[in-house]
Structure formats: C-alpha cells, structure tokens
Amino acid sequence: MGPDEVVQAGEDAGFQVIDEVEIGTLEDVKEIPRLIPPAKNVKLYIGEVKVNTNKDNTYRSLNIRFIISDGIDVGGELKYKGMGVFSRLCYYADPEVYTKDFFKNRQHLVELKNLIAATQLTDSTKINDTFCTELKGQTILGNLIQRKAKAYTDKEGNEQPGEPSNEVVNLKKVSDEDLV
C-alpha cells in the first residue's frame, strides 16, 4: 500500500488508518531559531547550486545553499556549525525589462563576480551545468546578514508580514592557511 492510499474500514469508511507511533514526551523539544545573527568572514562551503528563472525568463539567478563550516562565535561559544544559508545571486536580467541604473551599471552582477573570484573559477564566463557543478564543495568566506521581512499577500488576499531571512554577501577567497 502506498503512502497516499486510504484503507476503507466497514462503517467507518473514509478515514485513514495509520500505523501507531509513540512519540513520547515533547517537553525537551525546543525550537532552534532559524535566523542566524550577522557575522563577518564566516567560512562556508557550497552545498548545493540550483538555477532559478522567473516565469517570463527575464531574470535568472543561482540559488546557492551555503553551509557554515566552523560555526559562528556567539558570546565565546561556537554555534550554527553545519547550518545552511540560502542566497540568490543574479546572473541575468533582461535589459529590456530591467532598466534601472542598478542593472544598467551591472551592479546585479557584483556578488557573482565576488563568487567567481572567491572560488577562483576565473575561466567561467558562462553559467551552465559545468559551472554549477564546479561550484559545489568550494569553500569561501562570506558575511552573514539579516534581510528584513518582505510583506506578501496570501492566497486568500490577506497581507502577511513575512519572515526575516539570512543572506550571504561580500564573498571572498579563503586564505590557504584557513583551508586546512
């Protein structure tokens, strides 16, 4: 039987019969904050790279999952080791659609340029599958920042406040001594 199949049971037909699982007490379950405090020069490795494209194919970005390698010093204690932080790096913005000076002056490519310099993939003038594959596993330094939450409208048309998020910026090469 598959996970979405429903067992029909006599008079009670229509309810799903599941295997009982004892979860025990929930007293020791604590929520770990997903928002990481801002930090500079955090050692990160690239765990995953995906390409995002808007529905009109006028804006494309790399969605990168950075993993915190050594942790972040919070009050003398290293925390957040192994936690992931997602960042989007734009690599294409249709000049017919994105006409503001930010795009005309190619400022949307600054973090991509930093990423290429940090990973020393200087032969990369094309964003393709090979480039994305070569990024995976690379170790770099970056600053963690917190982005303010963007409000959005839910499916019912209600305004929602959104949640703040982390982002990685100011990407840099890790020194050879720090790679060990």
Protein backbone atom coordinates (compact mmCIF):
# COMPACT_ATOMS: atom_id res chain seq x y z
CA MET A 1 0.00 0.00 0.00
CA GLY A 2 1.33 3.46 -0.92
CA PRO A 3 1.52 6.46 1.46
CA ASP A 4 -1.50 8.17 -0.12
CA GLU A 5 -3.82 5.17 -0.19
CA VAL A 6 -6.73 5.09 2.21
CA VAL A 7 -7.88 1.89 3.87
CA GLN A 8 -11.68 1.58 3.74
CA ALA A 9 -12.92 0.06 7.01
CA GLY A 10 -16.57 -1.02 7.23
CA GLU A 11 -18.91 1.54 8.81
CA ASP A 12 -16.04 3.99 9.35
CA ALA A 13 -15.17 4.07 5.63
CA GLY A 14 -13.50 7.30 4.61
CA PHE A 15 -11.00 7.74 7.44
CA GLN A 16 -7.35 6.87 7.05
CA VAL A 17 -5.90 4.05 9.12
CA ILE A 18 -2.28 4.71 10.08
CA ASP A 19 0.35 2.77 11.94
CA GLU A 20 0.57 3.98 15.52
CA VAL A 21 3.80 5.70 16.50
CA GLU A 22 4.65 6.57 20.10
CA ILE A 23 6.37 9.99 20.07
CA GLY A 24 6.84 10.25 23.82
CA THR A 25 7.05 13.47 25.76
CA LEU A 26 7.62 16.73 23.91
CA GLU A 27 8.99 18.58 26.95
CA ASP A 28 12.58 18.56 25.66
CA VAL A 29 11.64 19.72 22.15
CA LYS A 30 12.82 23.28 21.63
CA GLU A 31 12.62 25.41 18.55
CA ILE A 32 16.03 26.35 17.21
CA PRO A 33 15.99 29.86 15.79
CA ARG A 34 16.37 29.76 12.04
CA LEU A 35 17.66 33.33 11.89
CA ILE A 36 21.41 33.41 12.40
CA PRO A 37 22.98 36.56 13.86
CA PRO A 38 25.01 38.73 11.49
CA ALA A 39 28.68 37.71 11.28
CA LYS A 40 31.72 38.63 9.20
CA ASN A 41 34.20 36.38 7.45
CA VAL A 42 32.32 33.17 8.08
CA LYS A 43 33.88 30.09 6.48
CA LEU A 44 31.29 28.45 4.23
CA TYR A 45 31.20 25.67 1.73
CA ILE A 46 28.80 25.43 -1.16
CA GLY A 47 26.45 22.53 -0.64
CA GLU A 48 24.00 22.98 -3.48
CA VAL A 49 23.55 25.16 -6.55
CA LYS A 50 20.30 25.48 -8.48
CA VAL A 51 19.18 27.86 -11.18
CA ASN A 52 16.01 29.91 -10.70
CA THR A 53 14.23 31.62 -13.56
CA ASN A 54 11.15 33.81 -13.37
CA LYS A 55 8.09 32.77 -15.37
CA ASP A 56 8.89 35.21 -18.21
CA ASN A 57 12.54 34.07 -18.38
CA THR A 58 13.70 37.67 -17.95
CA TYR A 59 15.52 37.19 -14.64
CA ARG A 60 17.80 34.30 -13.70
CA SER A 61 19.72 33.62 -10.54
CA LEU A 62 21.78 30.98 -8.83
CA ASN A 63 20.14 29.70 -5.65
CA ILE A 64 23.08 28.62 -3.52
CA ARG A 65 22.94 26.76 -0.22
CA PHE A 66 25.99 27.74 1.80
CA ILE A 67 26.86 25.54 4.80
CA ILE A 68 28.57 27.12 7.82
CA SER A 69 31.83 25.17 8.14
CA ASP A 70 33.25 26.01 11.56
CA GLY A 71 30.40 27.80 13.32
CA ILE A 72 29.99 31.40 14.43
CA ASP A 73 31.35 32.83 17.68
CA VAL A 74 28.35 33.86 19.78
CA GLY A 75 29.42 35.04 23.23
CA GLY A 76 32.59 32.95 23.19
CA GLU A 77 30.79 29.79 22.04
CA LEU A 78 30.80 28.37 18.50
CA LYS A 79 27.26 27.90 17.24
CA TYR A 80 25.46 27.18 13.96
CA LYS A 81 28.09 24.77 12.60
CA GLY A 82 26.57 22.82 9.71
CA MET A 83 23.57 25.12 9.30
CA GLY A 84 22.62 26.18 5.81
CA VAL A 85 22.01 29.67 4.50
CA PHE A 86 20.44 30.25 1.09
CA SER A 87 21.41 33.14 -1.15
CA ARG A 88 20.35 34.12 -4.64
CA LEU A 89 22.92 35.60 -7.00
CA CYS A 90 21.53 37.18 -10.13
CA TYR A 91 23.39 36.36 -13.34
CA TYR A 92 20.89 37.57 -15.96
CA ALA A 93 18.42 40.44 -16.05
CA ASP A 94 16.82 41.23 -19.40
CA PRO A 95 17.89 44.81 -20.24
CA GLU A 96 14.56 45.43 -21.98
CA VAL A 97 12.71 44.72 -18.72
CA TYR A 98 15.18 45.75 -16.02
CA THR A 99 16.03 49.32 -17.00
CA LYS A 100 17.03 50.91 -13.69
CA ASP A 101 20.59 52.18 -13.28
CA PHE A 102 21.31 49.29 -10.90
CA PHE A 103 21.01 46.91 -13.84
CA LYS A 104 22.41 49.24 -16.50
CA ASN A 105 25.54 49.65 -14.36
CA ARG A 106 25.67 45.86 -13.89
CA GLN A 107 25.50 46.09 -10.11
CA HIS A 108 23.33 42.94 -10.08
CA LEU A 109 26.48 41.01 -11.07
CA VAL A 110 28.75 42.18 -8.22
CA GLU A 111 28.16 39.18 -5.94
CA LEU A 112 28.53 36.81 -8.90
CA LYS A 113 31.89 38.43 -9.67
CA ASN A 114 32.86 38.03 -5.99
CA LEU A 115 31.81 34.36 -6.07
CA ILE A 116 33.89 33.64 -9.17
CA ALA A 117 36.92 35.38 -7.62
CA ALA A 118 36.43 33.59 -4.27
CA THR A 119 36.25 30.16 -5.91
CA GLN A 120 38.94 31.01 -8.47
CA LEU A 121 36.76 29.73 -11.30
CA THR A 122 38.15 32.51 -13.46
CA ASP A 123 37.62 30.59 -16.68
CA SER A 124 33.89 30.87 -16.09
CA THR A 125 32.30 33.30 -18.48
CA LYS A 126 29.23 31.12 -18.95
CA ILE A 127 26.71 30.00 -16.38
CA ASN A 128 25.90 26.40 -17.26
CA ASP A 129 25.73 22.92 -15.72
CA THR A 130 29.52 22.62 -15.62
CA PHE A 131 29.87 25.90 -13.75
CA CYS A 132 27.20 24.90 -11.20
CA THR A 133 28.86 21.51 -10.69
CA GLU A 134 32.27 23.12 -10.17
CA LEU A 135 30.85 25.44 -7.50
CA LYS A 136 29.66 22.57 -5.31
CA GLY A 137 32.04 21.80 -2.48
CA GLN A 138 34.03 25.02 -2.84
CA THR A 139 34.99 26.76 0.43
CA ILE A 140 34.79 30.55 0.68
CA LEU A 141 34.36 33.35 3.21
CA GLY A 142 31.25 35.48 3.39
CA ASN A 143 29.37 37.87 5.64
CA LEU A 144 26.02 36.76 7.01
CA ILE A 145 23.42 39.49 7.09
CA GLN A 146 19.77 39.58 8.02
CA ARG A 147 17.28 40.76 5.42
CA LYS A 148 14.13 42.44 6.62
CA ALA A 149 10.96 40.51 6.02
CA LYS A 150 9.06 41.35 2.86
CA ALA A 151 5.31 41.53 3.25
CA TYR A 152 3.28 39.42 0.86
CA THR A 153 -0.34 38.66 0.03
CA ASP A 154 -1.51 35.12 0.76
CA LYS A 155 -3.90 33.04 -1.36
CA GLU A 156 -6.91 34.49 0.47
CA GLY A 157 -5.77 38.04 -0.33
CA ASN A 158 -4.62 38.83 3.22
CA GLU A 159 -1.46 40.87 3.81
CA GLN A 160 1.15 38.79 5.65
CA PRO A 161 4.24 40.24 7.35
CA GLY A 162 6.76 37.65 6.08
CA GLU A 163 9.80 36.45 7.99
CA PRO A 164 13.28 37.96 8.09
CA SER A 165 15.96 35.82 6.50
CA ASN A 166 19.71 35.40 6.33
CA GLU A 167 21.78 36.05 3.24
CA VAL A 168 25.46 35.70 2.39
CA VAL A 169 27.22 38.73 0.89
CA ASN A 170 30.77 40.02 0.33
CA LEU A 171 32.11 36.67 -0.82
CA LYS A 172 35.88 36.27 -0.62
CA LYS A 173 38.58 33.69 -1.16
CA VAL A 174 39.66 31.69 1.88
CA SER A 175 43.38 32.04 2.57
CA ASP A 176 45.44 28.92 2.00
CA GLU A 177 46.20 28.69 5.76
CA ASP A 178 42.48 28.74 6.61
CA LEU A 179 41.63 25.95 4.14
CA VAL A 180 43.25 23.36 6.38
